[in-house]
N, C-alpha and C. Protein backbone atom coordinates (compact mmCIF):
# COMPACT_ATOMS: atom_id res chain seq x y z
N UNK A 1 178.68 -313.57 160.00
CA UNK A 1 179.55 -312.55 160.57
C UNK A 1 178.77 -311.61 161.50
N UNK A 2 177.57 -311.21 161.07
CA UNK A 2 176.77 -310.28 161.86
C UNK A 2 176.46 -310.88 163.23
N UNK A 3 176.08 -312.16 163.27
CA UNK A 3 175.73 -312.83 164.52
C UNK A 3 176.92 -312.89 165.48
N UNK A 4 178.11 -312.93 164.94
CA UNK A 4 179.31 -312.99 165.76
C UNK A 4 179.54 -311.68 166.53
N UNK A 5 179.11 -310.57 165.97
CA UNK A 5 179.38 -309.25 166.58
C UNK A 5 178.17 -308.61 167.24
N UNK A 6 176.98 -308.96 166.82
CA UNK A 6 175.78 -308.31 167.34
C UNK A 6 175.01 -309.30 168.21
N UNK A 7 174.67 -308.87 169.45
CA UNK A 7 173.95 -309.77 170.35
C UNK A 7 172.46 -309.79 170.01
N UNK A 8 171.69 -310.58 170.78
CA UNK A 8 170.26 -310.75 170.50
C UNK A 8 169.47 -309.47 170.68
N UNK A 9 169.97 -308.53 171.48
CA UNK A 9 169.29 -307.25 171.68
C UNK A 9 169.65 -306.24 170.59
N UNK A 10 170.57 -306.60 169.70
CA UNK A 10 170.95 -305.72 168.61
C UNK A 10 172.13 -304.82 168.91
N UNK A 11 172.85 -305.09 169.98
CA UNK A 11 174.01 -304.27 170.35
C UNK A 11 175.32 -304.96 169.98
N UNK A 12 176.32 -304.13 169.65
CA UNK A 12 177.66 -304.64 169.37
C UNK A 12 178.47 -304.53 170.65
N UNK A 13 179.13 -305.61 171.04
CA UNK A 13 179.99 -305.59 172.21
C UNK A 13 181.33 -304.99 171.77
N UNK A 14 181.44 -303.69 171.88
CA UNK A 14 182.62 -302.98 171.37
C UNK A 14 183.86 -303.22 172.21
N UNK A 15 183.69 -303.61 173.47
CA UNK A 15 184.86 -303.87 174.33
C UNK A 15 185.48 -305.22 174.02
N UNK A 16 184.67 -306.23 173.81
CA UNK A 16 185.18 -307.58 173.55
C UNK A 16 185.60 -307.74 172.09
N UNK A 17 184.96 -307.02 171.20
CA UNK A 17 185.24 -307.15 169.77
C UNK A 17 185.82 -305.83 169.27
N UNK A 18 187.09 -305.64 169.46
CA UNK A 18 187.76 -304.38 169.10
C UNK A 18 187.77 -304.14 167.59
N UNK A 19 187.69 -305.19 166.79
CA UNK A 19 187.77 -305.04 165.34
C UNK A 19 186.40 -304.94 164.67
N UNK A 20 185.37 -304.62 165.42
CA UNK A 20 184.00 -304.62 164.90
C UNK A 20 183.83 -303.68 163.71
N UNK A 21 184.44 -302.49 163.73
CA UNK A 21 184.28 -301.55 162.61
C UNK A 21 184.86 -302.12 161.32
N UNK A 22 186.07 -302.67 161.42
CA UNK A 22 186.71 -303.20 160.23
C UNK A 22 185.97 -304.41 159.67
N UNK A 23 185.44 -305.24 160.55
CA UNK A 23 184.76 -306.46 160.10
C UNK A 23 183.36 -306.16 159.54
N UNK A 24 182.60 -305.32 160.26
CA UNK A 24 181.23 -305.04 159.84
C UNK A 24 181.13 -303.99 158.74
N UNK A 25 182.09 -303.08 158.71
CA UNK A 25 182.09 -302.00 157.72
C UNK A 25 183.46 -301.92 157.04
N UNK A 26 183.80 -302.90 156.22
CA UNK A 26 185.15 -302.97 155.65
C UNK A 26 185.50 -301.80 154.73
N UNK A 27 184.52 -301.17 154.11
CA UNK A 27 184.81 -300.06 153.19
C UNK A 27 184.98 -298.73 153.93
N UNK A 28 184.74 -298.73 155.22
CA UNK A 28 184.91 -297.52 156.02
C UNK A 28 186.35 -297.50 156.53
N UNK A 29 187.28 -297.18 155.63
CA UNK A 29 188.72 -297.26 155.93
C UNK A 29 189.21 -296.00 156.66
N UNK A 30 190.50 -295.93 156.91
CA UNK A 30 191.10 -294.84 157.69
C UNK A 30 190.90 -293.49 157.03
N UNK A 31 191.01 -293.40 155.71
CA UNK A 31 190.85 -292.10 155.05
C UNK A 31 189.40 -291.62 155.14
N UNK A 32 188.46 -292.55 155.00
CA UNK A 32 187.05 -292.17 155.13
C UNK A 32 186.72 -291.79 156.57
N UNK A 33 187.30 -292.50 157.52
CA UNK A 33 187.08 -292.19 158.93
C UNK A 33 187.63 -290.80 159.25
N UNK A 34 188.82 -290.47 158.74
CA UNK A 34 189.43 -289.17 158.95
C UNK A 34 188.57 -288.07 158.35
N UNK A 35 188.08 -288.29 157.13
CA UNK A 35 187.21 -287.31 156.47
C UNK A 35 185.89 -287.13 157.24
N UNK A 36 185.34 -288.22 157.73
CA UNK A 36 184.09 -288.16 158.49
C UNK A 36 184.27 -287.33 159.76
N UNK A 37 185.40 -287.47 160.40
CA UNK A 37 185.67 -286.73 161.63
C UNK A 37 185.85 -285.25 161.32
N UNK A 38 186.55 -284.93 160.23
CA UNK A 38 186.84 -283.53 159.88
C UNK A 38 185.64 -282.83 159.23
N UNK A 39 185.00 -283.48 158.27
CA UNK A 39 183.97 -282.85 157.46
C UNK A 39 182.56 -283.30 157.85
N UNK A 40 182.44 -284.50 158.31
CA UNK A 40 181.13 -285.08 158.58
C UNK A 40 180.78 -286.06 157.47
N UNK A 41 179.82 -286.90 157.73
CA UNK A 41 179.39 -287.86 156.72
C UNK A 41 178.44 -287.15 155.76
N UNK A 42 178.76 -287.18 154.50
CA UNK A 42 177.94 -286.52 153.50
C UNK A 42 177.02 -287.54 152.85
N UNK A 43 175.81 -287.13 152.65
CA UNK A 43 174.85 -287.98 151.95
C UNK A 43 174.21 -287.14 150.85
N UNK A 44 174.32 -287.59 149.65
CA UNK A 44 173.73 -286.86 148.54
C UNK A 44 172.31 -287.38 148.31
N UNK A 45 171.36 -286.47 148.39
CA UNK A 45 169.98 -286.83 148.15
C UNK A 45 169.72 -286.86 146.65
N UNK A 46 168.83 -287.70 146.20
CA UNK A 46 168.53 -287.74 144.77
C UNK A 46 167.97 -286.40 144.31
N UNK A 47 168.30 -286.02 143.11
CA UNK A 47 167.85 -284.73 142.59
C UNK A 47 166.62 -284.86 141.70
N UNK A 48 166.06 -286.03 141.66
CA UNK A 48 164.87 -286.25 140.82
C UNK A 48 163.68 -285.52 141.43
N UNK A 49 162.95 -284.83 140.60
CA UNK A 49 161.72 -284.19 141.06
C UNK A 49 160.54 -284.91 140.42
N UNK A 50 159.43 -284.85 141.08
CA UNK A 50 158.25 -285.55 140.62
C UNK A 50 157.19 -284.55 140.18
N UNK A 51 156.45 -284.91 139.18
CA UNK A 51 155.36 -284.08 138.71
C UNK A 51 154.27 -284.05 139.78
N UNK A 52 153.81 -282.86 140.16
CA UNK A 52 152.77 -282.81 141.19
C UNK A 52 151.48 -283.44 140.68
N UNK A 53 150.78 -284.07 141.60
CA UNK A 53 149.50 -284.65 141.26
C UNK A 53 148.41 -283.66 141.66
N UNK A 54 147.53 -283.40 140.75
CA UNK A 54 146.43 -282.49 141.05
C UNK A 54 145.39 -283.23 141.89
N UNK A 55 144.95 -282.58 142.93
CA UNK A 55 143.92 -283.17 143.78
C UNK A 55 142.59 -283.13 143.04
N UNK A 56 141.72 -284.03 143.42
CA UNK A 56 140.40 -284.04 142.80
C UNK A 56 139.66 -282.76 143.16
N UNK A 57 138.66 -282.46 142.40
CA UNK A 57 137.86 -281.25 142.64
C UNK A 57 137.32 -281.29 144.07
N UNK A 58 137.46 -280.17 144.77
CA UNK A 58 137.00 -280.11 146.16
C UNK A 58 135.53 -279.68 146.18
N UNK A 59 134.64 -280.53 146.66
CA UNK A 59 133.21 -280.25 146.57
C UNK A 59 132.65 -279.32 147.65
N UNK A 60 133.46 -278.94 148.64
CA UNK A 60 132.90 -278.20 149.78
C UNK A 60 133.40 -276.77 149.91
N UNK A 61 133.83 -276.18 148.80
CA UNK A 61 134.26 -274.79 148.83
C UNK A 61 133.07 -273.87 149.04
N UNK A 62 133.29 -272.57 148.94
CA UNK A 62 132.19 -271.60 149.16
C UNK A 62 130.96 -271.83 148.28
N UNK A 63 131.15 -272.46 147.12
CA UNK A 63 130.01 -272.70 146.25
C UNK A 63 129.54 -274.16 146.28
N UNK A 64 129.83 -274.85 147.40
CA UNK A 64 129.41 -276.24 147.53
C UNK A 64 127.90 -276.39 147.37
N UNK A 65 127.48 -277.45 146.71
CA UNK A 65 126.04 -277.61 146.43
C UNK A 65 125.21 -277.86 147.68
N UNK A 66 125.55 -278.88 148.43
CA UNK A 66 124.75 -279.22 149.61
C UNK A 66 125.38 -278.71 150.90
N UNK A 67 126.69 -278.43 150.86
CA UNK A 67 127.40 -278.03 152.07
C UNK A 67 128.64 -277.24 151.69
N UNK A 68 128.99 -276.26 152.50
CA UNK A 68 130.25 -275.54 152.32
C UNK A 68 130.91 -275.38 153.69
N UNK A 69 132.23 -275.47 153.70
CA UNK A 69 132.98 -275.35 154.95
C UNK A 69 132.82 -273.95 155.53
N UNK A 70 132.80 -273.87 156.85
CA UNK A 70 132.79 -272.55 157.49
C UNK A 70 134.14 -271.88 157.23
N UNK A 71 134.15 -270.55 157.23
CA UNK A 71 135.35 -269.79 156.90
C UNK A 71 135.79 -268.91 158.07
N UNK A 72 137.09 -268.62 158.09
CA UNK A 72 137.62 -267.69 159.09
C UNK A 72 137.05 -266.30 158.83
N UNK A 73 136.98 -265.49 159.87
CA UNK A 73 136.42 -264.14 159.84
C UNK A 73 134.91 -264.18 159.67
N UNK A 74 134.45 -264.73 158.57
CA UNK A 74 133.01 -264.75 158.26
C UNK A 74 132.23 -265.56 159.30
N UNK A 75 132.76 -266.73 159.68
CA UNK A 75 132.05 -267.65 160.57
C UNK A 75 132.79 -267.95 161.86
N UNK A 76 134.12 -267.87 161.83
CA UNK A 76 134.95 -268.27 162.97
C UNK A 76 135.74 -267.07 163.48
N UNK A 77 135.70 -266.87 164.80
CA UNK A 77 136.46 -265.77 165.42
C UNK A 77 137.42 -266.35 166.45
N UNK A 78 138.32 -265.53 166.93
CA UNK A 78 139.23 -265.95 168.00
C UNK A 78 140.18 -267.06 167.60
N UNK A 79 140.51 -267.15 166.33
CA UNK A 79 141.41 -268.21 165.86
C UNK A 79 142.86 -267.77 166.05
N UNK A 80 143.75 -268.74 166.08
CA UNK A 80 145.17 -268.44 166.27
C UNK A 80 146.02 -268.88 165.10
N UNK A 81 145.44 -269.58 164.14
CA UNK A 81 146.20 -270.07 162.99
C UNK A 81 145.46 -269.70 161.72
N UNK A 82 146.19 -269.05 160.81
CA UNK A 82 145.62 -268.65 159.53
C UNK A 82 146.73 -268.68 158.49
N UNK A 83 146.46 -269.25 157.34
CA UNK A 83 147.45 -269.33 156.28
C UNK A 83 147.36 -268.11 155.38
N UNK A 84 148.51 -267.55 155.08
CA UNK A 84 148.59 -266.35 154.24
C UNK A 84 148.04 -266.61 152.83
N UNK A 85 148.35 -267.77 152.27
CA UNK A 85 147.93 -268.08 150.90
C UNK A 85 146.43 -268.34 150.78
N UNK A 86 145.79 -268.74 151.86
CA UNK A 86 144.34 -269.01 151.83
C UNK A 86 143.73 -268.51 153.14
N UNK A 87 143.60 -267.19 153.29
CA UNK A 87 143.20 -266.61 154.57
C UNK A 87 141.78 -266.95 155.04
N UNK A 88 140.92 -267.39 154.14
CA UNK A 88 139.56 -267.75 154.54
C UNK A 88 139.44 -269.19 155.01
N UNK A 89 140.40 -270.03 154.63
CA UNK A 89 140.33 -271.46 154.95
C UNK A 89 140.69 -271.71 156.41
N UNK A 90 139.81 -272.40 157.11
CA UNK A 90 140.06 -272.77 158.50
C UNK A 90 141.10 -273.89 158.52
N UNK A 91 141.96 -273.89 159.52
CA UNK A 91 142.92 -274.98 159.75
C UNK A 91 142.95 -275.25 161.24
N UNK A 92 143.11 -276.51 161.62
CA UNK A 92 143.18 -276.83 163.05
C UNK A 92 144.59 -276.56 163.59
N UNK A 93 144.80 -276.79 164.86
CA UNK A 93 146.09 -276.48 165.50
C UNK A 93 147.24 -277.28 164.90
N UNK A 94 146.95 -278.41 164.28
CA UNK A 94 148.00 -279.20 163.65
C UNK A 94 148.28 -278.72 162.22
N UNK A 95 147.48 -277.75 161.75
CA UNK A 95 147.66 -277.22 160.40
C UNK A 95 146.84 -277.95 159.35
N UNK A 96 145.98 -278.88 159.78
CA UNK A 96 145.14 -279.63 158.83
C UNK A 96 143.93 -278.79 158.45
N UNK A 97 143.73 -278.60 157.16
CA UNK A 97 142.57 -277.87 156.66
C UNK A 97 141.45 -278.85 156.34
N UNK A 98 140.27 -278.31 156.06
CA UNK A 98 139.16 -279.17 155.66
C UNK A 98 139.48 -279.90 154.36
N UNK A 99 140.14 -279.21 153.44
CA UNK A 99 140.53 -279.83 152.17
C UNK A 99 141.50 -280.99 152.44
N UNK A 100 142.45 -280.79 153.33
CA UNK A 100 143.39 -281.87 153.69
C UNK A 100 142.62 -283.07 154.26
N UNK A 101 141.70 -282.81 155.19
CA UNK A 101 140.92 -283.90 155.79
C UNK A 101 140.14 -284.66 154.73
N UNK A 102 139.61 -283.94 153.75
CA UNK A 102 138.85 -284.57 152.66
C UNK A 102 139.76 -285.44 151.80
N UNK A 103 140.88 -284.88 151.35
CA UNK A 103 141.78 -285.60 150.45
C UNK A 103 142.40 -286.81 151.14
N UNK A 104 142.79 -286.65 152.40
CA UNK A 104 143.43 -287.74 153.14
C UNK A 104 142.42 -288.73 153.73
N UNK A 105 141.14 -288.37 153.72
CA UNK A 105 140.14 -289.26 154.32
C UNK A 105 140.31 -289.37 155.83
N UNK A 106 140.72 -288.28 156.47
CA UNK A 106 141.00 -288.28 157.91
C UNK A 106 139.74 -288.41 158.75
N UNK A 107 138.60 -288.13 158.16
CA UNK A 107 137.31 -288.24 158.86
C UNK A 107 136.24 -288.53 157.82
N UNK A 108 135.04 -288.81 158.29
CA UNK A 108 133.95 -289.18 157.39
C UNK A 108 132.80 -288.18 157.49
N UNK A 109 131.99 -288.14 156.45
CA UNK A 109 130.85 -287.23 156.42
C UNK A 109 129.82 -287.52 157.51
N UNK A 110 129.87 -288.71 158.08
CA UNK A 110 128.91 -289.04 159.15
C UNK A 110 129.43 -288.57 160.52
N UNK A 111 130.55 -287.84 160.53
CA UNK A 111 131.08 -287.28 161.78
C UNK A 111 131.87 -288.28 162.60
N UNK A 112 132.46 -289.26 161.97
CA UNK A 112 133.26 -290.26 162.68
C UNK A 112 134.67 -290.32 162.11
N UNK A 113 135.53 -291.04 162.83
CA UNK A 113 136.89 -291.32 162.38
C UNK A 113 137.15 -292.80 162.58
N UNK A 114 137.76 -293.43 161.60
CA UNK A 114 138.21 -294.81 161.79
C UNK A 114 139.34 -294.82 162.82
N UNK A 115 139.51 -295.91 163.56
CA UNK A 115 140.62 -295.98 164.52
C UNK A 115 141.99 -295.70 163.88
N UNK A 116 142.19 -296.18 162.66
CA UNK A 116 143.48 -295.94 161.99
C UNK A 116 143.67 -294.46 161.69
N UNK A 117 142.60 -293.78 161.27
CA UNK A 117 142.69 -292.34 160.99
C UNK A 117 142.88 -291.55 162.28
N UNK A 118 142.22 -291.99 163.33
CA UNK A 118 142.39 -291.32 164.62
C UNK A 118 143.84 -291.46 165.10
N UNK A 119 144.43 -292.63 164.88
CA UNK A 119 145.83 -292.84 165.27
C UNK A 119 146.76 -292.00 164.39
N UNK A 120 146.47 -291.91 163.10
CA UNK A 120 147.34 -291.18 162.17
C UNK A 120 147.21 -289.67 162.30
N UNK A 121 146.00 -289.16 162.45
CA UNK A 121 145.76 -287.72 162.43
C UNK A 121 145.38 -287.14 163.79
N UNK A 122 145.15 -287.98 164.77
CA UNK A 122 144.72 -287.53 166.09
C UNK A 122 143.22 -287.34 166.13
N UNK A 123 142.65 -287.33 167.34
CA UNK A 123 141.21 -287.11 167.46
C UNK A 123 140.86 -285.68 167.02
N UNK A 124 139.95 -285.54 166.10
CA UNK A 124 139.60 -284.23 165.55
C UNK A 124 139.22 -283.21 166.61
N UNK A 125 138.55 -283.66 167.66
CA UNK A 125 138.07 -282.73 168.68
C UNK A 125 139.20 -282.07 169.47
N UNK A 126 140.39 -282.64 169.43
CA UNK A 126 141.52 -282.06 170.16
C UNK A 126 142.14 -280.87 169.44
N UNK A 127 141.92 -280.77 168.13
CA UNK A 127 142.62 -279.78 167.31
C UNK A 127 141.68 -278.68 166.84
N UNK A 128 141.13 -277.94 167.78
CA UNK A 128 140.24 -276.86 167.40
C UNK A 128 141.06 -275.59 167.14
N UNK A 129 140.44 -274.62 166.50
CA UNK A 129 141.09 -273.34 166.23
C UNK A 129 140.01 -272.28 166.11
N UNK A 130 139.82 -271.52 167.18
CA UNK A 130 138.82 -270.47 167.19
C UNK A 130 137.47 -270.97 167.67
N UNK A 131 136.47 -270.09 167.51
CA UNK A 131 135.12 -270.49 167.88
C UNK A 131 134.12 -269.95 166.86
N UNK A 132 133.10 -270.75 166.64
CA UNK A 132 132.03 -270.36 165.71
C UNK A 132 131.22 -269.23 166.32
N UNK A 133 130.73 -268.35 165.48
CA UNK A 133 129.89 -267.25 165.97
C UNK A 133 128.62 -267.84 166.59
N UNK A 134 128.18 -267.19 167.64
CA UNK A 134 127.04 -267.69 168.41
C UNK A 134 125.78 -267.82 167.56
N UNK A 135 125.54 -266.87 166.65
CA UNK A 135 124.31 -266.93 165.83
C UNK A 135 124.30 -268.14 164.90
N UNK A 136 125.46 -268.61 164.51
CA UNK A 136 125.54 -269.81 163.66
C UNK A 136 125.11 -271.03 164.47
N UNK A 137 125.64 -271.16 165.67
CA UNK A 137 125.33 -272.30 166.53
C UNK A 137 123.84 -272.32 166.89
N UNK A 138 123.27 -271.15 167.20
CA UNK A 138 121.84 -271.09 167.55
C UNK A 138 120.93 -271.42 166.37
N UNK A 139 121.40 -271.24 165.15
CA UNK A 139 120.58 -271.51 163.97
C UNK A 139 120.58 -272.99 163.57
N UNK A 140 121.48 -273.79 164.13
CA UNK A 140 121.55 -275.20 163.76
C UNK A 140 120.28 -275.94 164.16
N UNK A 141 119.91 -276.92 163.35
CA UNK A 141 118.83 -277.84 163.70
C UNK A 141 119.43 -279.24 163.81
N UNK A 142 118.81 -280.07 164.62
CA UNK A 142 119.31 -281.43 164.82
C UNK A 142 118.17 -282.41 164.70
N UNK A 143 118.48 -283.59 164.17
CA UNK A 143 117.49 -284.66 164.15
C UNK A 143 117.39 -285.19 165.57
N UNK A 144 116.19 -285.29 166.10
CA UNK A 144 116.04 -285.74 167.49
C UNK A 144 116.44 -284.63 168.44
N UNK A 145 116.99 -285.00 169.58
CA UNK A 145 117.39 -284.02 170.59
C UNK A 145 118.73 -283.38 170.23
N UNK A 146 118.88 -282.08 170.50
CA UNK A 146 120.18 -281.46 170.27
C UNK A 146 121.20 -282.02 171.27
N UNK A 147 122.48 -281.94 170.97
CA UNK A 147 123.50 -282.47 171.89
C UNK A 147 123.42 -281.78 173.25
N UNK A 148 123.65 -282.54 174.29
CA UNK A 148 123.60 -282.00 175.65
C UNK A 148 124.99 -281.52 176.05
N UNK A 149 125.41 -280.40 175.45
CA UNK A 149 126.72 -279.83 175.72
C UNK A 149 126.57 -278.32 175.90
N UNK A 150 127.59 -277.72 176.46
CA UNK A 150 127.56 -276.27 176.70
C UNK A 150 127.66 -275.48 175.40
N UNK A 151 127.29 -274.21 175.46
CA UNK A 151 127.41 -273.34 174.30
C UNK A 151 128.87 -273.24 173.89
N UNK A 152 129.79 -273.18 174.87
CA UNK A 152 131.22 -273.11 174.56
C UNK A 152 131.67 -274.33 173.77
N UNK A 153 131.16 -275.51 174.12
CA UNK A 153 131.51 -276.74 173.40
C UNK A 153 130.94 -276.70 171.98
N UNK A 154 129.74 -276.16 171.83
CA UNK A 154 129.12 -276.05 170.51
C UNK A 154 129.91 -275.09 169.62
N UNK A 155 130.47 -274.05 170.22
CA UNK A 155 131.19 -273.04 169.44
C UNK A 155 132.63 -273.44 169.12
N UNK A 156 133.21 -274.36 169.88
CA UNK A 156 134.61 -274.73 169.66
C UNK A 156 134.78 -275.21 168.23
N UNK A 157 135.64 -274.54 167.48
CA UNK A 157 135.80 -274.78 166.04
C UNK A 157 136.77 -275.93 165.78
N UNK A 158 136.22 -277.15 165.71
CA UNK A 158 137.02 -278.31 165.33
C UNK A 158 136.51 -278.83 163.99
N UNK A 159 137.22 -279.77 163.41
CA UNK A 159 136.88 -280.26 162.08
C UNK A 159 135.48 -280.88 162.02
N UNK A 160 135.02 -281.48 163.12
CA UNK A 160 133.68 -282.08 163.14
C UNK A 160 132.59 -281.02 162.94
N UNK A 161 132.88 -279.78 163.29
CA UNK A 161 131.89 -278.71 163.14
C UNK A 161 132.15 -277.85 161.91
N UNK A 162 133.40 -277.66 161.54
CA UNK A 162 133.77 -276.73 160.47
C UNK A 162 133.71 -277.37 159.09
N UNK A 163 134.13 -278.62 158.99
CA UNK A 163 134.36 -279.26 157.68
C UNK A 163 133.20 -280.17 157.26
N UNK A 164 132.71 -279.96 156.07
CA UNK A 164 131.66 -280.83 155.52
C UNK A 164 132.13 -282.27 155.43
N UNK A 165 133.40 -282.46 155.07
CA UNK A 165 133.95 -283.81 154.94
C UNK A 165 133.95 -284.57 156.25
N UNK A 166 133.82 -283.85 157.38
CA UNK A 166 133.85 -284.47 158.71
C UNK A 166 132.48 -284.42 159.38
N UNK A 167 131.44 -284.10 158.64
CA UNK A 167 130.09 -284.08 159.19
C UNK A 167 129.62 -282.71 159.63
N UNK A 168 130.44 -281.69 159.49
CA UNK A 168 130.07 -280.33 159.89
C UNK A 168 129.81 -279.48 158.67
N UNK A 169 130.16 -278.20 158.77
CA UNK A 169 130.00 -277.27 157.66
C UNK A 169 128.62 -276.64 157.61
N UNK A 170 128.50 -275.66 156.72
CA UNK A 170 127.24 -274.94 156.52
C UNK A 170 126.40 -275.72 155.53
N UNK A 171 125.42 -276.43 156.05
CA UNK A 171 124.57 -277.27 155.19
C UNK A 171 123.37 -276.46 154.72
N UNK A 172 122.99 -276.68 153.49
CA UNK A 172 121.82 -275.97 152.94
C UNK A 172 120.57 -276.29 153.76
N UNK A 173 120.54 -277.47 154.38
CA UNK A 173 119.38 -277.88 155.19
C UNK A 173 119.33 -277.16 156.53
N UNK A 174 120.44 -276.51 156.93
CA UNK A 174 120.49 -275.85 158.23
C UNK A 174 120.84 -276.80 159.37
N UNK A 175 121.04 -278.05 159.03
CA UNK A 175 121.33 -279.05 160.05
C UNK A 175 122.70 -278.80 160.69
N UNK A 176 122.80 -279.07 161.98
CA UNK A 176 124.05 -278.92 162.72
C UNK A 176 125.00 -280.05 162.44
N UNK A 177 126.17 -280.01 163.06
CA UNK A 177 127.17 -281.06 162.82
C UNK A 177 126.70 -282.42 163.32
N UNK A 178 127.25 -283.47 162.70
CA UNK A 178 126.89 -284.84 163.10
C UNK A 178 127.49 -285.20 164.45
N UNK A 179 128.65 -284.61 164.79
CA UNK A 179 129.34 -284.93 166.04
C UNK A 179 129.67 -283.65 166.80
N UNK A 180 129.22 -283.58 168.05
CA UNK A 180 129.58 -282.47 168.93
C UNK A 180 130.10 -283.09 170.21
N UNK A 181 131.36 -282.80 170.53
CA UNK A 181 132.00 -283.39 171.70
C UNK A 181 132.41 -282.28 172.65
N UNK A 182 132.07 -282.43 173.90
CA UNK A 182 132.48 -281.46 174.93
C UNK A 182 133.68 -282.03 175.67
N UNK A 183 134.87 -281.58 175.26
CA UNK A 183 136.09 -282.09 175.89
C UNK A 183 136.24 -281.64 177.33
N UNK A 184 135.51 -280.62 177.73
CA UNK A 184 135.63 -280.12 179.09
C UNK A 184 134.71 -280.86 180.06
N UNK A 185 133.86 -281.72 179.54
CA UNK A 185 132.97 -282.51 180.39
C UNK A 185 133.73 -283.71 180.95
N UNK A 186 133.47 -284.02 182.20
CA UNK A 186 134.12 -285.18 182.83
C UNK A 186 133.86 -286.47 182.05
N UNK A 187 132.68 -286.58 181.47
CA UNK A 187 132.31 -287.81 180.77
C UNK A 187 133.23 -288.07 179.58
N UNK A 188 133.86 -287.04 179.03
CA UNK A 188 134.78 -287.24 177.92
C UNK A 188 135.99 -288.07 178.36
N UNK A 189 136.47 -287.82 179.55
CA UNK A 189 137.67 -288.50 180.05
C UNK A 189 137.38 -289.79 180.79
N UNK A 190 136.15 -289.97 181.24
CA UNK A 190 135.81 -291.18 182.01
C UNK A 190 134.84 -292.04 181.23
N UNK A 191 135.26 -292.47 180.05
CA UNK A 191 134.39 -293.32 179.21
C UNK A 191 134.51 -294.75 179.65
């Protein structure tokens, strides 16, 4: 029956098949059609609630052993997004916090993102919020040569710099973030 009314592109030829509603939707009778026009189609959502699942212990809070995430006010200035319930927690422009990135596995401690995570959550460097204080950036140490980027790029507060789970954060070793990307450099767009 479906093949008789629906073409290969998935459309119903409503002009040639005037009885398509009655044939394809036999229980959608005149009284239901009248009610739908007057009241609208009602859909009752299930009322079942689910027990919340507790997230695993977050290892990168202020008392993190090897690393702790940078915090708003204390480490980050000029931000535009702050949550009332957790005013110290940094969040990017999409609202993703370091804890969210950790729990969802949106990035890795080595400062990378899998292609699937990049597709699902977006490139971390695009979603910055605020800038790190200059004295923090100047105190970073790097293995080998430091990144060849501007001070503004170093200060841009994105998850790669702020979150331990993404390769950033305040490391006890003093080491800088694993990934520093200068989105304002031409080389970023002409890879």
